[in-house]
Amino acid sequence: MTLVRAATPSDAAEIVHLGALMYKAVGAAPTPMWAVDSTKLVAERIGDDLIGMVIDAPEGGLACCGLVNVAPRLPRPGMLAHHMGYVQWVSTSAQHQYKGYARAVMDALLEETDKRGIEVVELHASPQGRRMYEDLGFFVKDDNVAMTQLRKRKGPQ
C-alpha cells in the first residue's frame, strides 16, 4: 500500500525540487531565484490555501508530490462553491515513476478538495499525464477556449 501523507512546511524544498523536475520535463527552465521564492511560498501556504500531498522515498526525500492551489471564485451556474482548485506540480522522481504514486497523490488531493467542498478543479496536463487525469474524470472543455496572457513585471527585473 502506498503511504500518502499531507505535506508540511518542512517538505517545501523537496516539493520545489520535484516541481523543478516537472517543469524541466515540459521544457521550462526553473532558476535558482524561482526555487528560493517557490520554497518560501510553499512553506508559508501549505495546509492553508495550498493543499499538498506527498509520498516519502525509502532512500530519503520525496518520491512524489502534488499541490492544489485553492482560490476564491464566484460560483458558476449549477455550482455553489466559492473556491476552486488548481492542480499544480504533480511530480514523481525518475526512480519512482510507474509505481502508481502520482495516482495515489491525486486521489488524496481530490479527497481533500471534496472535504473542503471545492466543486471545480482545473489543471494543465502533460501528454504523459493526460490519460491518468482522464481516468480520474478530468476532461478537455470544448465550450470555450482557455487563453493566457503573460504580462511583463513592473519594476526591477
Protein backbone atom coordinates (compact mmCIF):
# COMPACT_ATOMS: atom_id res chain seq x y z
CA MET A 1 0.00 0.00 0.00
CA THR A 2 1.31 3.45 -0.95
CA LEU A 3 1.51 5.78 2.03
CA VAL A 4 0.35 9.27 1.09
CA ARG A 5 0.56 11.98 3.72
CA ALA A 6 -0.26 15.66 3.94
CA ALA A 7 2.72 17.86 3.15
CA THR A 8 4.20 20.08 5.86
CA PRO A 9 6.28 23.25 5.64
CA SER A 10 9.42 21.15 6.17
CA ASP A 11 8.69 19.41 2.82
CA ALA A 12 8.78 22.68 0.87
CA ALA A 13 12.32 22.44 -0.54
CA GLU A 14 11.82 18.85 -1.72
CA ILE A 15 8.40 19.70 -3.21
CA VAL A 16 10.01 22.55 -5.17
CA HIS A 17 12.82 20.21 -6.29
CA LEU A 18 10.23 17.79 -7.71
CA GLY A 19 8.33 20.73 -9.20
CA ALA A 20 11.50 21.80 -10.99
CA LEU A 21 11.86 18.30 -12.46
CA MET A 22 8.28 18.55 -13.77
CA TYR A 23 8.93 21.97 -15.31
CA LYS A 24 12.15 20.76 -16.95
CA ALA A 25 10.26 17.78 -18.42
CA VAL A 26 7.90 20.17 -20.23
CA GLY A 27 10.67 22.46 -21.47
CA ALA A 28 10.70 25.21 -18.82
CA ALA A 29 13.92 26.40 -17.19
CA PRO A 30 13.50 26.89 -13.43
CA THR A 31 16.05 29.30 -11.96
CA PRO A 32 17.66 29.39 -8.51
CA MET A 33 15.64 32.54 -7.72
CA TRP A 34 12.44 30.73 -8.72
CA ALA A 35 13.36 27.86 -6.37
CA VAL A 36 14.05 30.21 -3.43
CA ASP A 37 10.81 32.14 -3.95
CA SER A 38 8.74 28.99 -4.52
CA THR A 39 10.17 27.24 -1.44
CA LYS A 40 9.26 30.24 0.73
CA LEU A 41 5.71 30.39 -0.69
CA VAL A 42 5.10 26.65 -0.38
CA ALA A 43 6.31 26.66 3.25
CA GLU A 44 4.08 29.64 4.09
CA ARG A 45 0.91 28.43 2.34
CA ILE A 46 0.95 24.65 2.75
CA GLY A 47 -2.06 23.42 4.74
CA ASP A 48 -3.90 26.72 4.24
CA ASP A 49 -4.74 27.78 0.67
CA LEU A 50 -2.24 25.29 -0.74
CA ILE A 51 -3.09 21.61 -0.33
CA GLY A 52 -0.08 19.34 -0.56
CA MET A 53 0.16 15.55 -0.60
CA VAL A 54 3.44 13.64 -0.69
CA ILE A 55 4.91 10.15 -0.66
CA ASP A 56 8.19 9.66 1.15
CA ALA A 57 11.00 7.91 -0.72
CA PRO A 58 12.56 4.96 1.13
CA GLU A 59 16.03 6.39 0.45
CA GLY A 60 15.06 9.80 1.91
CA GLY A 61 13.39 12.84 0.44
CA LEU A 62 10.16 12.61 -1.50
CA ALA A 63 9.23 10.11 -4.19
CA CYS A 64 6.17 12.07 -5.35
CA CYS A 65 4.26 15.23 -4.60
CA GLY A 66 1.21 17.14 -5.73
CA LEU A 67 -0.25 20.52 -4.88
CA VAL A 68 -3.63 22.17 -5.29
CA ASN A 69 -3.87 25.96 -5.11
CA VAL A 70 -7.18 26.97 -3.57
CA ALA A 71 -8.51 30.33 -4.76
CA PRO A 72 -11.71 32.30 -4.26
CA ARG A 73 -14.08 32.18 -7.17
CA LEU A 74 -17.58 33.40 -7.84
CA PRO A 75 -20.00 30.47 -8.07
CA ARG A 76 -20.78 29.09 -11.52
CA PRO A 77 -24.33 28.23 -12.56
CA GLY A 78 -25.05 24.83 -11.05
CA MET A 79 -22.05 25.07 -8.69
CA LEU A 80 -22.29 26.69 -5.26
CA ALA A 81 -18.68 26.63 -4.04
CA HIS A 82 -16.93 29.93 -3.55
CA HIS A 83 -13.50 28.38 -4.09
CA MET A 84 -11.84 26.48 -6.89
CA GLY A 85 -8.76 24.31 -7.02
CA TYR A 86 -5.92 24.32 -9.50
CA VAL A 87 -3.71 21.22 -9.54
CA GLN A 88 -0.06 22.15 -9.76
CA TRP A 89 3.20 20.26 -9.56
CA VAL A 90 2.22 16.63 -9.64
CA SER A 91 5.69 15.20 -9.99
CA THR A 92 7.38 11.87 -9.35
CA SER A 93 11.13 11.39 -9.16
CA ALA A 94 12.50 9.34 -12.05
CA GLN A 95 13.40 6.28 -9.96
CA HIS A 96 9.84 6.07 -8.58
CA GLN A 97 7.80 6.52 -11.76
CA TYR A 98 5.28 3.91 -12.92
CA LYS A 99 4.52 2.73 -9.38
CA GLY A 100 1.11 4.42 -9.12
CA TYR A 101 2.42 7.22 -6.89
CA ALA A 102 1.03 10.12 -8.95
CA ARG A 103 -2.39 8.45 -8.98
CA ALA A 104 -2.29 7.92 -5.21
CA VAL A 105 -1.31 11.57 -4.65
CA MET A 106 -4.09 12.75 -6.99
CA ASP A 107 -6.65 10.56 -5.21
CA ALA A 108 -5.61 12.13 -1.88
CA LEU A 109 -5.70 15.66 -3.31
CA LEU A 110 -9.19 15.14 -4.76
CA GLU A 111 -10.40 13.62 -1.49
CA GLU A 112 -9.19 16.77 0.31
CA THR A 113 -10.85 19.10 -2.20
CA ASP A 114 -14.07 17.14 -1.67
CA LYS A 115 -13.75 17.62 2.12
CA ARG A 116 -13.36 21.37 1.55
CA GLY A 117 -16.42 21.50 -0.72
CA ILE A 118 -14.42 22.53 -3.78
CA GLU A 119 -16.57 21.68 -6.81
CA VAL A 120 -14.34 22.90 -9.65
CA VAL A 121 -10.79 21.56 -10.00
CA GLU A 122 -8.70 22.50 -13.02
CA LEU A 123 -5.27 21.51 -14.27
CA HIS A 124 -2.94 21.52 -17.23
CA ALA A 125 -1.75 18.04 -18.17
CA SER A 126 1.42 16.92 -19.85
CA PRO A 127 0.96 14.39 -22.64
CA GLN A 128 2.35 11.73 -20.24
CA GLY A 129 -0.20 12.56 -17.53
CA ARG A 130 -3.27 13.10 -19.67
CA ARG A 131 -4.58 9.52 -19.51
CA MET A 132 -4.34 9.38 -15.72
CA TYR A 133 -6.25 12.66 -15.40
CA GLU A 134 -8.92 11.46 -17.85
CA ASP A 135 -9.22 8.24 -15.80
CA LEU A 136 -9.82 10.47 -12.75
CA GLY A 137 -12.69 12.23 -14.53
CA PHE A 138 -10.94 15.33 -15.89
CA PHE A 139 -11.94 16.35 -19.39
CA VAL A 140 -10.95 18.83 -22.06
CA LYS A 141 -13.51 21.60 -22.11
CA ASP A 142 -14.88 22.38 -25.53
CA ASP A 143 -17.38 25.08 -24.58
CA ASN A 144 -14.73 27.82 -24.62
CA VAL A 145 -11.05 28.33 -25.25
CA ALA A 146 -8.59 28.65 -22.37
CA MET A 147 -6.36 31.63 -23.07
CA THR A 148 -3.36 33.09 -21.27
CA GLN A 149 -1.56 36.40 -21.42
CA LEU A 150 1.86 36.77 -19.82
CA ARG A 151 2.31 40.30 -18.50
CA LYS A 152 5.65 41.99 -18.02
CA ARG A 153 6.65 42.59 -14.45
CA LYS A 154 6.88 46.23 -13.47
CA GLY A 155 9.94 47.47 -11.61
CA PRO A 156 13.37 45.88 -11.27
CA GLN A 157 13.76 42.62 -13.13
